[in-house]
Each structure stands twice: as C-alpha cells, then as structure tokens.
PDB file of all heavy atoms in Angstrom:
ATOM      1  N   LEU A   1     -65.515  70.412 -32.214  1.00  0.00           N
ATOM      2  CA  LEU A   1     -64.587  70.712 -31.115  1.00  0.00           C
ATOM      3  C   LEU A   1     -64.932  69.898 -29.907  1.00  0.00           C
ATOM      4  O   LEU A   1     -66.056  69.969 -29.470  1.00  0.00           O
ATOM      5  CB  LEU A   1     -64.572  72.242 -30.808  1.00  0.00           C
ATOM      6  CG  LEU A   1     -63.883  72.689 -29.516  1.00  0.00           C
ATOM      7  CD1 LEU A   1     -62.378  72.561 -29.714  1.00  0.00           C
ATOM      8  CD2 LEU A   1     -64.178  74.120 -29.299  1.00  0.00           C
ATOM      9  N   THR A   2     -63.969  69.033 -29.433  1.00  0.00           N
ATOM     10  CA  THR A   2     -64.235  68.210 -28.283  1.00  0.00           C
ATOM     11  C   THR A   2     -63.482  68.725 -27.179  1.00  0.00           C
ATOM     12  O   THR A   2     -62.210  68.961 -27.247  1.00  0.00           O
ATOM     13  CB  THR A   2     -63.777  66.720 -28.634  1.00  0.00           C
ATOM     14  OG1 THR A   2     -64.511  66.277 -29.726  1.00  0.00           O
ATOM     15  CG2 THR A   2     -64.025  65.824 -27.457  1.00  0.00           C
ATOM     16  N   ASP A   3     -64.143  68.898 -25.994  1.00  0.00           N
ATOM     17  CA  ASP A   3     -63.537  69.422 -24.767  1.00  0.00           C
ATOM     18  C   ASP A   3     -63.740  68.382 -23.591  1.00  0.00           C
ATOM     19  O   ASP A   3     -64.890  67.870 -23.444  1.00  0.00           O
ATOM     20  CB  ASP A   3     -64.169  70.720 -24.339  1.00  0.00           C
ATOM     21  CG  ASP A   3     -63.680  71.893 -25.115  1.00  0.00           C
ATOM     22  OD1 ASP A   3     -62.530  72.351 -24.909  1.00  0.00           O
ATOM     23  OD2 ASP A   3     -64.440  72.370 -26.054  1.00  0.00           O
ATOM     24  N   PHE A   4     -62.674  68.125 -22.862  1.00  0.00           N
ATOM     25  CA  PHE A   4     -62.825  67.189 -21.722  1.00  0.00           C
ATOM     26  C   PHE A   4     -61.658  67.399 -20.769  1.00  0.00           C
ATOM     27  O   PHE A   4     -60.644  68.005 -21.192  1.00  0.00           O
ATOM     28  CB  PHE A   4     -62.887  65.738 -22.132  1.00  0.00           C
ATOM     29  CG  PHE A   4     -61.628  65.203 -22.693  1.00  0.00           C
ATOM     30  CD1 PHE A   4     -60.666  64.509 -21.893  1.00  0.00           C
ATOM     31  CD2 PHE A   4     -61.315  65.337 -24.071  1.00  0.00           C
ATOM     32  CE1 PHE A   4     -59.516  63.995 -22.440  1.00  0.00           C
ATOM     33  CE2 PHE A   4     -60.112  64.881 -24.631  1.00  0.00           C
ATOM     34  CZ  PHE A   4     -59.245  64.212 -23.811  1.00  0.00           C
ATOM     35  N   MET A   5     -61.837  66.951 -19.546  1.00  0.00           N
ATOM     36  CA  MET A   5     -60.708  66.923 -18.546  1.00  0.00           C
ATOM     37  C   MET A   5     -60.535  65.462 -18.095  1.00  0.00           C
ATOM     38  O   MET A   5     -61.542  64.863 -17.677  1.00  0.00           O
ATOM     39  CB  MET A   5     -60.941  67.785 -17.355  1.00  0.00           C
ATOM     40  CG  MET A   5     -60.943  69.262 -17.704  1.00  0.00           C
ATOM     41  SD  MET A   5     -61.095  70.259 -16.162  1.00  0.00           S
ATOM     42  CE  MET A   5     -61.753  71.752 -16.717  1.00  0.00           C
ATOM     43  N   PRO A   6     -59.322  64.946 -18.132  1.00  0.00           N
ATOM     44  CA  PRO A   6     -59.163  63.615 -17.548  1.00  0.00           C
ATOM     45  C   PRO A   6     -59.455  63.660 -16.061  1.00  0.00           C
ATOM     46  O   PRO A   6     -59.230  64.681 -15.358  1.00  0.00           O
ATOM     47  CB  PRO A   6     -57.632  63.332 -17.754  1.00  0.00           C
ATOM     48  CG  PRO A   6     -57.298  64.213 -18.872  1.00  0.00           C
ATOM     49  CD  PRO A   6     -58.132  65.482 -18.776  1.00  0.00           C
ATOM     50  N   VAL A   7     -60.041  62.570 -15.516  1.00  0.00           N
ATOM     51  CA  VAL A   7     -60.509  62.512 -14.146  1.00  0.00           C
ATOM     52  C   VAL A   7     -59.309  62.130 -13.256  1.00  0.00           C
ATOM     53  O   VAL A   7     -58.860  61.022 -13.210  1.00  0.00           O
ATOM     54  CB  VAL A   7     -61.630  61.495 -13.931  1.00  0.00           C
ATOM     55  CG1 VAL A   7     -62.156  61.566 -12.494  1.00  0.00           C
ATOM     56  CG2 VAL A   7     -62.800  61.973 -14.903  1.00  0.00           C
ATOM     57  N   VAL A   8     -58.873  63.092 -12.488  1.00  0.00           N
ATOM     58  CA  VAL A   8     -57.734  62.919 -11.562  1.00  0.00           C
ATOM     59  C   VAL A   8     -57.922  61.709 -10.616  1.00  0.00           C
ATOM     60  O   VAL A   8     -58.981  61.644 -10.002  1.00  0.00           O
ATOM     61  CB  VAL A   8     -57.440  64.214 -10.818  1.00  0.00           C
ATOM     62  CG1 VAL A   8     -56.259  64.026  -9.849  1.00  0.00           C
ATOM     63  CG2 VAL A   8     -57.181  65.359 -11.689  1.00  0.00           C
ATOM     64  N   GLY A   9     -56.945  60.840 -10.538  1.00  0.00           N
ATOM     65  CA  GLY A   9     -57.004  59.773  -9.648  1.00  0.00           C
ATOM     66  C   GLY A   9     -57.821  58.590  -9.971  1.00  0.00           C
ATOM     67  O   GLY A   9     -57.944  57.534  -9.379  1.00  0.00           O
ATOM     68  N   GLU A  10     -58.495  58.616 -11.216  1.00  0.00           N
ATOM     69  CA  GLU A  10     -59.396  57.583 -11.610  1.00  0.00           C
ATOM     70  C   GLU A  10     -58.848  56.911 -12.892  1.00  0.00           C
ATOM     71  O   GLU A  10     -59.251  55.747 -13.180  1.00  0.00           O
ATOM     72  CB  GLU A  10     -60.757  58.127 -11.973  1.00  0.00           C
ATOM     73  CG  GLU A  10     -61.471  58.848 -10.783  1.00  0.00           C
ATOM     74  CD  GLU A  10     -61.824  57.819  -9.696  1.00  0.00           C
ATOM     75  OE1 GLU A  10     -61.868  56.634  -9.971  1.00  0.00           O
ATOM     76  OE2 GLU A  10     -62.034  58.254  -8.509  1.00  0.00           O
ATOM     77  N   GLN A  11     -57.997  57.510 -13.658  1.00  0.00           N
ATOM     78  CA  GLN A  11     -57.497  56.911 -14.903  1.00  0.00           C
ATOM     79  C   GLN A  11     -56.036  56.573 -14.687  1.00  0.00           C
ATOM     80  O   GLN A  11     -55.115  57.173 -15.334  1.00  0.00           O
ATOM     81  CB  GLN A  11     -57.723  57.884 -16.057  1.00  0.00           C
ATOM     82  CG  GLN A  11     -59.186  58.166 -16.352  1.00  0.00           C
ATOM     83  CD  GLN A  11     -59.486  59.302 -17.257  1.00  0.00           C
ATOM     84  OE1 GLN A  11     -60.375  60.017 -17.104  1.00  0.00           O
ATOM     85  NE2 GLN A  11     -58.608  59.549 -18.234  1.00  0.00           N
ATOM     86  N   GLN A  12     -55.805  55.637 -13.848  1.00  0.00           N
ATOM     87  CA  GLN A  12     -54.454  55.332 -13.363  1.00  0.00           C
ATOM     88  C   GLN A  12     -53.617  54.557 -14.410  1.00  0.00           C
ATOM     89  O   GLN A  12     -52.383  54.517 -14.329  1.00  0.00           O
ATOM     90  CB  GLN A  12     -54.484  54.513 -12.084  1.00  0.00           C
ATOM     91  CG  GLN A  12     -55.161  55.186 -10.946  1.00  0.00           C
ATOM     92  CD  GLN A  12     -54.410  56.357 -10.396  1.00  0.00           C
ATOM     93  OE1 GLN A  12     -53.365  56.659 -10.882  1.00  0.00           O
ATOM     94  NE2 GLN A  12     -55.016  57.092  -9.473  1.00  0.00           N
ATOM     95  N   THR A  13     -54.212  54.039 -15.477  1.00  0.00           N
ATOM     96  CA  THR A  13     -53.483  53.347 -16.463  1.00  0.00           C
ATOM     97  C   THR A  13     -52.715  54.270 -17.362  1.00  0.00           C
ATOM     98  O   THR A  13     -51.865  53.845 -18.224  1.00  0.00           O
ATOM     99  CB  THR A  13     -54.433  52.503 -17.401  1.00  0.00           C
ATOM    100  OG1 THR A  13     -55.422  53.322 -17.950  1.00  0.00           O
ATOM    101  CG2 THR A  13     -55.131  51.439 -16.459  1.00  0.00           C
ATOM    102  N   LEU A  14     -52.981  55.581 -17.308  1.00  0.00           N
ATOM    103  CA  LEU A  14     -52.337  56.527 -18.227  1.00  0.00           C
ATOM    104  C   LEU A  14     -51.548  57.575 -17.309  1.00  0.00           C
ATOM    105  O   LEU A  14     -51.958  57.926 -16.240  1.00  0.00           O
ATOM    106  CB  LEU A  14     -53.429  57.309 -19.103  1.00  0.00           C
ATOM    107  CG  LEU A  14     -54.171  56.378 -20.016  1.00  0.00           C
ATOM    108  CD1 LEU A  14     -55.246  57.199 -20.592  1.00  0.00           C
ATOM    109  CD2 LEU A  14     -53.245  55.845 -21.140  1.00  0.00           C
ATOM    110  N   ASP A  15     -50.470  58.044 -17.934  1.00  0.00           N
ATOM    111  CA  ASP A  15     -49.645  59.061 -17.243  1.00  0.00           C
ATOM    112  C   ASP A  15     -50.245  60.410 -17.605  1.00  0.00           C
ATOM    113  O   ASP A  15     -50.036  60.879 -18.793  1.00  0.00           O
ATOM    114  CB  ASP A  15     -48.145  58.896 -17.676  1.00  0.00           C
ATOM    115  CG  ASP A  15     -47.326  59.868 -16.930  1.00  0.00           C
ATOM    116  OD1 ASP A  15     -47.721  60.466 -15.954  1.00  0.00           O
ATOM    117  OD2 ASP A  15     -46.161  60.155 -17.445  1.00  0.00           O
ATOM    118  N   ILE A  16     -50.915  61.057 -16.732  1.00  0.00           N
ATOM    119  CA  ILE A  16     -51.655  62.271 -17.118  1.00  0.00           C
ATOM    120  C   ILE A  16     -51.166  63.470 -16.275  1.00  0.00           C
ATOM    121  O   ILE A  16     -50.740  63.284 -15.146  1.00  0.00           O
ATOM    122  CB  ILE A  16     -53.178  62.092 -16.950  1.00  0.00           C
ATOM    123  CG1 ILE A  16     -53.543  61.925 -15.431  1.00  0.00           C
ATOM    124  CG2 ILE A  16     -53.690  60.922 -17.770  1.00  0.00           C
ATOM    125  CD1 ILE A  16     -55.066  61.928 -15.190  1.00  0.00           C
ATOM    126  N   ALA A  17     -51.352  64.611 -16.862  1.00  0.00           N
ATOM    127  CA  ALA A  17     -51.194  65.853 -16.040  1.00  0.00           C
ATOM    128  C   ALA A  17     -52.390  66.028 -15.182  1.00  0.00           C
ATOM    129  O   ALA A  17     -53.527  65.854 -15.688  1.00  0.00           O
ATOM    130  CB  ALA A  17     -51.020  67.040 -17.051  1.00  0.00           C
ATOM    131  N   GLU A  18     -52.165  66.413 -13.950  1.00  0.00           N
ATOM    132  CA  GLU A  18     -53.354  66.421 -13.004  1.00  0.00           C
ATOM    133  C   GLU A  18     -54.328  67.462 -13.295  1.00  0.00           C
ATOM    134  O   GLU A  18     -55.525  67.261 -13.093  1.00  0.00           O
ATOM    135  CB  GLU A  18     -52.763  66.618 -11.540  1.00  0.00           C
ATOM    136  CG  GLU A  18     -52.094  65.427 -11.002  1.00  0.00           C
ATOM    137  CD  GLU A  18     -52.065  65.459  -9.469  1.00  0.00           C
ATOM    138  OE1 GLU A  18     -52.378  66.486  -8.900  1.00  0.00           O
ATOM    139  OE2 GLU A  18     -51.644  64.428  -8.859  1.00  0.00           O
ATOM    140  N   HIS A  19     -53.903  68.595 -13.780  1.00  0.00           N
ATOM    141  CA  HIS A  19     -54.861  69.706 -13.995  1.00  0.00           C
ATOM    142  C   HIS A  19     -54.776  70.166 -15.448  1.00  0.00           C
ATOM    143  O   HIS A  19     -53.932  71.016 -15.780  1.00  0.00           O
ATOM    144  CB  HIS A  19     -54.632  70.885 -13.092  1.00  0.00           C
ATOM    145  CG  HIS A  19     -54.589  70.505 -11.615  1.00  0.00           C
ATOM    146  ND1 HIS A  19     -55.747  70.151 -10.936  1.00  0.00           N
ATOM    147  CD2 HIS A  19     -53.606  70.437 -10.725  1.00  0.00           C
ATOM    148  CE1 HIS A  19     -55.413  69.876  -9.669  1.00  0.00           C
ATOM    149  NE2 HIS A  19     -54.103  70.068  -9.569  1.00  0.00           N
ATOM    150  N   ALA A  20     -55.596  69.539 -16.305  1.00  0.00           N
ATOM    151  CA  ALA A  20     -55.450  69.721 -17.764  1.00  0.00           C
ATOM    152  C   ALA A  20     -56.753  69.773 -18.400  1.00  0.00           C
ATOM    153  O   ALA A  20     -57.733  69.050 -18.044  1.00  0.00           O
ATOM    154  CB  ALA A  20     -54.551  68.637 -18.362  1.00  0.00           C
ATOM    155  N   LEU A  21     -56.858  70.657 -19.431  1.00  0.00           N
ATOM    156  CA  LEU A  21     -58.032  70.696 -20.344  1.00  0.00           C
ATOM    157  C   LEU A  21     -57.618  70.276 -21.698  1.00  0.00           C
ATOM    158  O   LEU A  21     -56.664  70.929 -22.214  1.00  0.00           O
ATOM    159  CB  LEU A  21     -58.625  72.145 -20.281  1.00  0.00           C
ATOM    160  CG  LEU A  21     -59.743  72.444 -21.374  1.00  0.00           C
ATOM    161  CD1 LEU A  21     -60.975  71.587 -21.033  1.00  0.00           C
ATOM    162  CD2 LEU A  21     -60.079  73.902 -21.378  1.00  0.00           C
ATOM    163  N   TYR A  22     -58.259  69.294 -22.267  1.00  0.00           N
ATOM    164  CA  TYR A  22     -57.954  68.794 -23.606  1.00  0.00           C
ATOM    165  C   TYR A  22     -58.925  69.317 -24.569  1.00  0.00           C
ATOM    166  O   TYR A  22     -60.200  69.215 -24.337  1.00  0.00           O
ATOM    167  CB  TYR A  22     -57.969  67.242 -23.644  1.00  0.00           C
ATOM    168  CG  TYR A  22     -56.763  66.542 -22.986  1.00  0.00           C
ATOM    169  CD1 TYR A  22     -56.524  66.704 -21.604  1.00  0.00           C
ATOM    170  CD2 TYR A  22     -55.885  65.863 -23.693  1.00  0.00           C
ATOM    171  CE1 TYR A  22     -55.456  66.134 -20.940  1.00  0.00           C
ATOM    172  CE2 TYR A  22     -54.805  65.201 -23.060  1.00  0.00           C
ATOM    173  CZ  TYR A  22     -54.561  65.406 -21.637  1.00  0.00           C
ATOM    174  OH  TYR A  22     -53.532  64.740 -21.087  1.00  0.00           O
ATOM    175  N   ARG A  23     -58.511  69.913 -25.728  1.00  0.00           N
ATOM    176  CA  ARG A  23     -59.397  70.387 -26.741  1.00  0.00           C
ATOM    177  C   ARG A  23     -58.943  69.820 -28.076  1.00  0.00           C
ATOM    178  O   ARG A  23     -57.801  70.038 -28.485  1.00  0.00           O
ATOM    179  CB  ARG A  23     -59.377  71.946 -26.765  1.00  0.00           C
ATOM    180  CG  ARG A  23     -59.446  72.601 -25.384  1.00  0.00           C
ATOM    181  CD  ARG A  23     -59.807  74.106 -25.491  1.00  0.00           C
ATOM    182  NE  ARG A  23     -61.233  74.229 -25.791  1.00  0.00           N
ATOM    183  CZ  ARG A  23     -61.765  75.335 -26.183  1.00  0.00           C
ATOM    184  NH1 ARG A  23     -61.011  76.444 -26.352  1.00  0.00           N
ATOM    185  NH2 ARG A  23     -63.091  75.424 -26.418  1.00  0.00           N
ATOM    186  N   ARG A  24     -59.801  69.203 -28.790  1.00  0.00           N
ATOM    187  CA  ARG A  24     -59.430  68.654 -30.108  1.00  0.00           C
ATOM    188  C   ARG A  24     -60.555  69.224 -31.157  1.00  0.00           C
ATOM    189  O   ARG A  24     -61.718  69.149 -30.913  1.00  0.00           O
ATOM    190  CB  ARG A  24     -59.484  67.136 -30.203  1.00  0.00           C
ATOM    191  CG  ARG A  24     -59.051  66.569 -31.520  1.00  0.00           C
ATOM    192  CD  ARG A  24     -59.370  65.115 -31.681  1.00  0.00           C
ATOM    193  NE  ARG A  24     -60.804  64.872 -31.750  1.00  0.00           N
ATOM    194  CZ  ARG A  24     -61.410  63.597 -31.887  1.00  0.00           C
ATOM    195  NH1 ARG A  24     -60.586  62.574 -31.985  1.00  0.00           N
ATOM    196  NH2 ARG A  24     -62.691  63.492 -31.988  1.00  0.00           N
ATOM    197  N   VAL A  25     -60.003  69.750 -32.232  1.00  0.00           N
ATOM    198  CA  VAL A  25     -60.925  70.174 -33.327  1.00  0.00           C
ATOM    199  C   VAL A  25     -60.609  69.354 -34.520  1.00  0.00           C
ATOM    200  O   VAL A  25     -59.478  69.279 -34.908  1.00  0.00           O
ATOM    201  CB  VAL A  25     -60.837  71.739 -33.523  1.00  0.00           C
ATOM    202  CG1 VAL A  25     -59.451  72.144 -33.918  1.00  0.00           C
ATOM    203  CG2 VAL A  25     -61.913  72.168 -34.495  1.00  0.00           C
ATOM    204  N   GLU A  26     -61.649  68.805 -35.150  1.00  0.00           N
ATOM    205  CA  GLU A  26     -61.547  67.920 -36.335  1.00  0.00           C
ATOM    206  C   GLU A  26     -62.549  68.425 -37.387  1.00  0.00           C
ATOM    207  O   GLU A  26     -63.698  68.674 -37.150  1.00  0.00           O
ATOM    208  CB  GLU A  26     -61.813  66.521 -35.924  1.00  0.00           C
ATOM    209  CG  GLU A  26     -61.696  65.593 -37.125  1.00  0.00           C
ATOM    210  CD  GLU A  26     -61.897  64.042 -36.725  1.00  0.00           C
ATOM    211  OE1 GLU A  26     -62.286  63.887 -35.537  1.00  0.00           O
ATOM    212  OE2 GLU A  26     -61.607  63.187 -37.531  1.00  0.00           O
ATOM    213  N   CYS A  27     -62.051  68.480 -38.603  1.00  0.00           N
ATOM    214  CA  CYS A  27     -62.843  68.868 -39.766  1.00  0.00           C
ATOM    215  C   CYS A  27     -63.626  67.618 -40.253  1.00  0.00           C
ATOM    216  O   CYS A  27     -63.091  66.554 -40.438  1.00  0.00           O
ATOM    217  CB  CYS A  27     -61.995  69.354 -40.892  1.00  0.00           C
ATOM    218  SG  CYS A  27     -62.946  69.899 -42.381  1.00  0.00           S
ATOM    219  N   GLY A  28     -64.917  67.809 -40.335  1.00  0.00           N
ATOM    220  CA  GLY A  28     -65.806  66.691 -40.753  1.00  0.00           C
ATOM    221  C   GLY A  28     -66.040  66.682 -42.221  1.00  0.00           C
ATOM    222  O   GLY A  28     -65.934  65.642 -42.840  1.00  0.00           O
TER     223      GLY A  28
END
C-alpha cells in the first residue's frame, strides 16, 4: 500500500487537486 500527497504549489507540470491523499495497493 503506497500513500502520498502531492505537494501543493510545487508540482506545477501536473493538473492536481490541491488537497488530496493518494492510496495505491498492488499485489506483489
């Protein structure tokens, strides 16, 4: 399970939601 939040105002090359938590789960 991978958790992160995009850094607001720093990743300008991508169109991002300002207040977001991303969670990805991958079977190994």
